[in-house]
């Protein structure tokens, strides 16, 4: 093995210095990190305001070219830039990755060296060193043991070497910023994992039916393994509670998780708004409702279950179906319902209201006896899987812990005996007034003779 020449070593050193100065320093720049954070926040807000994962017709209807929203935001801009799926665009994920690299670079190039420096202890033995401190004093006839005991009483950690003492506390305050950076990086990693591996689906499922997740409208490139395939969901029942005024109070879905191979029940839970079903990392939210069909009997016929279609808009929803009253389908009536409170309206072929009937009741119409047995509700479910959520929670936990840790002051005190005099001084990175009072209290308990007028407040207190 040959050793590198001095010239080669010098070249490597120069390259390393250039890399640290031109690349590392710029990537770890605070202004750049703030700019990226603001950009991430802006596009995240845009992804919240602009509906995500809708079909092209939706954007063409709501974001026309004339007039364009804000003068530039049209359906073409949304689809070209990717604002219809912000959180899975390459540029958004790239922004998260670059911000994470910036935070990690700052941590390794600045925060860790600062922590390493803070963990080292240095002893001062010359008066001129104490004169440079923000707070210092000169004492006579003072025992170093008494000084040490006073510092220990204030929770300082003591290091000794001969007639010199170094004391510190609050090192956790130096660790706090590192934990904050680590938490933010982990949050970003969790967001990227969710964007690449998660999916969102929507299903409108009639009561008393079983379904598998099929209608996936937003999914990451690695989400295939997340979509449930080995189990199905049975909607055992769906019902709505109404207030005395007739408004919807809450709607409920009784869901049953079934193993596809054995048909065995794996889990059962009644969900409602803000109380989802969670199984194997997939969450089933209650988001919508509808009327899927109606069960009727005509005279003594078998029970018919007829599908009902939504006729109104989302703001004034009405469901309807057509019921034949003659075997040759030459005559019939229209049945309409606006809710699931049990009352339906009947209209003839001319559009005239001919009657109303409640569930379980019958009515004579067009020469036949029509019995309305039951309205069949359908539940609207949003199904979501995001493997990055536990990682994000971990990151937020570290972030909060790091913020709390950062509030601790890192305080340092030096003591040295020179001949018959004892010099004491210290500094802190925050809560300066509190530190001054603490050090003054320590000095007050000792035999103070001649204060060094480094800090006017100290001289005032000790005069």
Foldseek 3Di string as FASTA:
>chain_A
DDDDDPVVVVVVVVVVVCCCVPPLCVLLPPVVLVVLVVVLVVLVVLLVVDAALDDLVVQCVVAPVVPGVVNDHGSVVCVVVVSNPSLQDPVSLVSLVSSLVNLVSCCVVPLVVVLVVLPDDDADADVVVQLPFLFKWKAFPFDVVLLVVLLVVVVWDWDDDVQKIKTKDLSLLSCLSSLQSVLSSLLSVLSVQQSAAKWKAKDWFWAQDKDATDGTRHGHVNNPVVGDDQKIKHFNAKDFDADPVGHTDWIKTWIFIAGPVPRDTDDIDIAIAPRWDDDPQKTKHFDDKDFFWWWKDKAPDDIDTGGWDWDDDPVQTKIKDWDANDPVSPFTWMWMDRDQPFKIWIAGPVRDTDDMDGAQDWDQDPNIIMHTHHTIMITMIMMMGRPSVVSSVVSVVSNVVSVVSSPGKIKMKMWGDDPRMIMIHIDIDDPGVVVLVSVLVSVVVTRHDGTDPSDVVSVVVVD
